[in-house]
Amino acid sequence: MKYVKTVFWTVLFIVLFVLFTLNVYQSVDFQYFYGTENIFKEIPLFVVIFFSMAVGFLLGLLVFLGEVMQLKKDCRIRDTELMTLKKELDTHRNVAVKEFIDSESNGGNGES
């Protein structure tokens, strides 16, 4: 399976490399929001493709980081809730032990 995966990624890389090298000599005019003027004239196509991929990657990274921050916040909230519940459980355990000890010291009749 590892061999197939390596071959797949190698072939994909070679195909993408060939496509990018074929597009090196093609140029495009860049218009922003359908304006009448060209902001950039005769920009290489691979620069436009690379820039759009970089912007998409950065936007995806920002969304991912936002989700990670939200999950960390939720974990902190759950951790504080867990600690308070553990403290409450420990106090109830101690109360039961104290009642048992008090009942045993009173002769085992169960009265406090």
C-alpha atoms as a PDB file:
ATOM      1  CA  MET A   1       0.000   0.000   0.000  1.00  0.00           C
ATOM      2  CA  LYS A   2       2.846   2.357   0.804  1.00  0.00           C
ATOM      3  CA  TYR A   3       4.351   1.666  -2.633  1.00  0.00           C
ATOM      4  CA  VAL A   4       1.072   2.501  -4.392  1.00  0.00           C
ATOM      5  CA  LYS A   5       0.726   5.716  -2.416  1.00  0.00           C
ATOM      6  CA  THR A   6       4.278   6.773  -3.294  1.00  0.00           C
ATOM      7  CA  VAL A   7       3.736   6.048  -6.978  1.00  0.00           C
ATOM      8  CA  PHE A   8       0.444   7.956  -6.948  1.00  0.00           C
ATOM      9  CA  TRP A   9       1.954  11.090  -5.398  1.00  0.00           C
ATOM     10  CA  THR A  10       4.976  10.938  -7.710  1.00  0.00           C
ATOM     11  CA  VAL A  11       2.814  10.674 -10.826  1.00  0.00           C
ATOM     12  CA  LEU A  12       0.550  13.460  -9.579  1.00  0.00           C
ATOM     13  CA  PHE A  13       3.537  15.702  -8.920  1.00  0.00           C
ATOM     14  CA  ILE A  14       4.981  15.027 -12.384  1.00  0.00           C
ATOM     15  CA  VAL A  15       1.642  15.726 -14.094  1.00  0.00           C
ATOM     16  CA  LEU A  16       1.181  18.987 -12.194  1.00  0.00           C
ATOM     17  CA  PHE A  17       4.764  20.007 -12.914  1.00  0.00           C
ATOM     18  CA  VAL A  18       4.275  19.388 -16.643  1.00  0.00           C
ATOM     19  CA  LEU A  19       1.011  21.360 -16.659  1.00  0.00           C
ATOM     20  CA  PHE A  20       2.621  24.290 -14.880  1.00  0.00           C
ATOM     21  CA  THR A  21       5.606  24.326 -17.219  1.00  0.00           C
ATOM     22  CA  LEU A  22       3.308  24.281 -20.244  1.00  0.00           C
ATOM     23  CA  ASN A  23       1.487  27.331 -18.877  1.00  0.00           C
ATOM     24  CA  VAL A  24       4.635  29.341 -18.206  1.00  0.00           C
ATOM     25  CA  TYR A  25       4.470  31.121 -21.518  1.00  0.00           C
ATOM     26  CA  GLN A  26       0.773  31.905 -21.335  1.00  0.00           C
ATOM     27  CA  SER A  27      -0.143  35.274 -19.921  1.00  0.00           C
ATOM     28  CA  VAL A  28      -3.423  36.785 -18.824  1.00  0.00           C
ATOM     29  CA  ASP A  29      -4.749  40.251 -18.055  1.00  0.00           C
ATOM     30  CA  PHE A  30      -6.032  40.576 -14.530  1.00  0.00           C
ATOM     31  CA  GLN A  31      -9.232  42.580 -13.977  1.00  0.00           C
ATOM     32  CA  TYR A  32     -10.604  43.008 -10.496  1.00  0.00           C
ATOM     33  CA  PHE A  33     -14.418  42.912 -10.150  1.00  0.00           C
ATOM     34  CA  TYR A  34     -15.120  43.313 -13.851  1.00  0.00           C
ATOM     35  CA  GLY A  35     -13.533  46.734 -14.081  1.00  0.00           C
ATOM     36  CA  THR A  36     -12.855  48.424 -17.375  1.00  0.00           C
ATOM     37  CA  GLU A  37      -9.163  48.830 -16.670  1.00  0.00           C
ATOM     38  CA  ASN A  38      -6.685  46.018 -16.346  1.00  0.00           C
ATOM     39  CA  ILE A  39      -4.896  46.143 -13.029  1.00  0.00           C
ATOM     40  CA  PHE A  40      -2.116  43.858 -14.221  1.00  0.00           C
ATOM     41  CA  LYS A  41      -1.402  43.309 -17.882  1.00  0.00           C
ATOM     42  CA  GLU A  42       0.184  40.161 -19.201  1.00  0.00           C
ATOM     43  CA  ILE A  43       0.718  38.387 -15.908  1.00  0.00           C
ATOM     44  CA  PRO A  44       1.987  34.791 -16.265  1.00  0.00           C
ATOM     45  CA  LEU A  45      -0.791  32.273 -15.758  1.00  0.00           C
ATOM     46  CA  PHE A  46       1.148  30.206 -13.228  1.00  0.00           C
ATOM     47  CA  VAL A  47       1.466  33.296 -10.981  1.00  0.00           C
ATOM     48  CA  VAL A  48      -2.319  33.739 -10.978  1.00  0.00           C
ATOM     49  CA  ILE A  49      -2.842  30.029 -10.245  1.00  0.00           C
ATOM     50  CA  PHE A  50      -0.233  30.017  -7.491  1.00  0.00           C
ATOM     51  CA  PHE A  51      -1.647  33.201  -5.910  1.00  0.00           C
ATOM     52  CA  SER A  52      -5.219  31.860  -5.952  1.00  0.00           C
ATOM     53  CA  MET A  53      -4.069  28.571  -4.397  1.00  0.00           C
ATOM     54  CA  ALA A  54      -2.156  30.467  -1.696  1.00  0.00           C
ATOM     55  CA  VAL A  55      -5.178  32.628  -0.872  1.00  0.00           C
ATOM     56  CA  GLY A  56      -7.406  29.537  -0.679  1.00  0.00           C
ATOM     57  CA  PHE A  57      -4.884  27.789   1.557  1.00  0.00           C
ATOM     58  CA  LEU A  58      -4.687  30.785   3.892  1.00  0.00           C
ATOM     59  CA  LEU A  59      -8.470  31.102   4.121  1.00  0.00           C
ATOM     60  CA  GLY A  60      -8.770  27.406   4.914  1.00  0.00           C
ATOM     61  CA  LEU A  61      -6.030  27.754   7.524  1.00  0.00           C
ATOM     62  CA  LEU A  62      -7.868  30.649   9.166  1.00  0.00           C
ATOM     63  CA  VAL A  63     -11.087  28.628   9.362  1.00  0.00           C
ATOM     64  CA  PHE A  64      -9.170  25.649  10.767  1.00  0.00           C
ATOM     65  CA  LEU A  65      -7.447  27.804  13.387  1.00  0.00           C
ATOM     66  CA  GLY A  66     -10.802  29.305  14.391  1.00  0.00           C
ATOM     67  CA  GLU A  67     -12.226  25.849  14.954  1.00  0.00           C
ATOM     68  CA  VAL A  68      -9.152  24.788  16.937  1.00  0.00           C
ATOM     69  CA  MET A  69      -9.439  27.857  19.163  1.00  0.00           C
ATOM     70  CA  GLN A  70     -13.137  27.137  19.763  1.00  0.00           C
ATOM     71  CA  LEU A  71     -12.384  23.517  20.652  1.00  0.00           C
ATOM     72  CA  LYS A  72      -9.645  24.580  23.066  1.00  0.00           C
ATOM     73  CA  LYS A  73     -12.066  26.990  24.724  1.00  0.00           C
ATOM     74  CA  ASP A  74     -14.642  24.204  25.062  1.00  0.00           C
ATOM     75  CA  CYS A  75     -11.986  21.904  26.566  1.00  0.00           C
ATOM     76  CA  ARG A  76     -11.033  24.530  29.152  1.00  0.00           C
ATOM     77  CA  ILE A  77     -14.681  24.957  30.109  1.00  0.00           C
ATOM     78  CA  ARG A  78     -15.121  21.195  30.417  1.00  0.00           C
ATOM     79  CA  ASP A  79     -11.911  20.888  32.454  1.00  0.00           C
ATOM     80  CA  THR A  80     -13.058  23.500  34.969  1.00  0.00           C
ATOM     81  CA  GLU A  81     -16.459  21.806  35.204  1.00  0.00           C
ATOM     82  CA  LEU A  82     -14.743  18.456  35.728  1.00  0.00           C
ATOM     83  CA  MET A  83     -12.559  19.855  38.499  1.00  0.00           C
ATOM     84  CA  THR A  84     -15.548  21.341  40.332  1.00  0.00           C
ATOM     85  CA  LEU A  85     -17.440  18.056  40.021  1.00  0.00           C
ATOM     86  CA  LYS A  86     -14.432  16.123  41.323  1.00  0.00           C
ATOM     87  CA  LYS A  87     -14.202  18.458  44.320  1.00  0.00           C
ATOM     88  CA  GLU A  88     -17.904  18.038  44.982  1.00  0.00           C
ATOM     89  CA  LEU A  89     -17.600  14.268  44.733  1.00  0.00           C
ATOM     90  CA  ASP A  90     -14.651  14.254  47.137  1.00  0.00           C
ATOM     91  CA  THR A  91     -16.604  16.322  49.672  1.00  0.00           C
ATOM     92  CA  HIS A  92     -19.555  13.925  49.467  1.00  0.00           C
ATOM     93  CA  ARG A  93     -17.247  10.955  49.897  1.00  0.00           C
ATOM     94  CA  ASN A  94     -15.717  12.538  52.975  1.00  0.00           C
ATOM     95  CA  VAL A  95     -19.154  13.266  54.424  1.00  0.00           C
ATOM     96  CA  ALA A  96     -20.144   9.624  54.063  1.00  0.00           C
ATOM     97  CA  VAL A  97     -16.907   8.487  55.713  1.00  0.00           C
ATOM     98  CA  LYS A  98     -17.359  10.961  58.581  1.00  0.00           C
ATOM     99  CA  GLU A  99     -20.928   9.770  59.139  1.00  0.00           C
ATOM    100  CA  PHE A 100     -19.736   6.164  59.199  1.00  0.00           C
ATOM    101  CA  ILE A 101     -16.954   6.968  61.657  1.00  0.00           C
ATOM    102  CA  ASP A 102     -19.324   8.968  63.853  1.00  0.00           C
ATOM    103  CA  SER A 103     -21.867   6.138  63.860  1.00  0.00           C
ATOM    104  CA  GLU A 104     -19.191   3.618  64.810  1.00  0.00           C
ATOM    105  CA  SER A 105     -17.913   5.826  67.626  1.00  0.00           C
ATOM    106  CA  ASN A 106     -21.467   6.148  68.991  1.00  0.00           C
ATOM    107  CA  GLY A 107     -21.723   2.460  69.572  1.00  0.00           C
ATOM    108  CA  GLY A 108     -22.775   1.395  66.090  1.00  0.00           C
ATOM    109  CA  ASN A 109     -26.434   2.268  66.597  1.00  0.00           C
ATOM    110  CA  GLY A 110     -26.433   4.538  63.551  1.00  0.00           C
ATOM    111  CA  GLU A 111     -27.379   7.694  65.453  1.00  0.00           C
ATOM    112  CA  SER A 112     -25.269  10.812  65.201  1.00  0.00           C
END
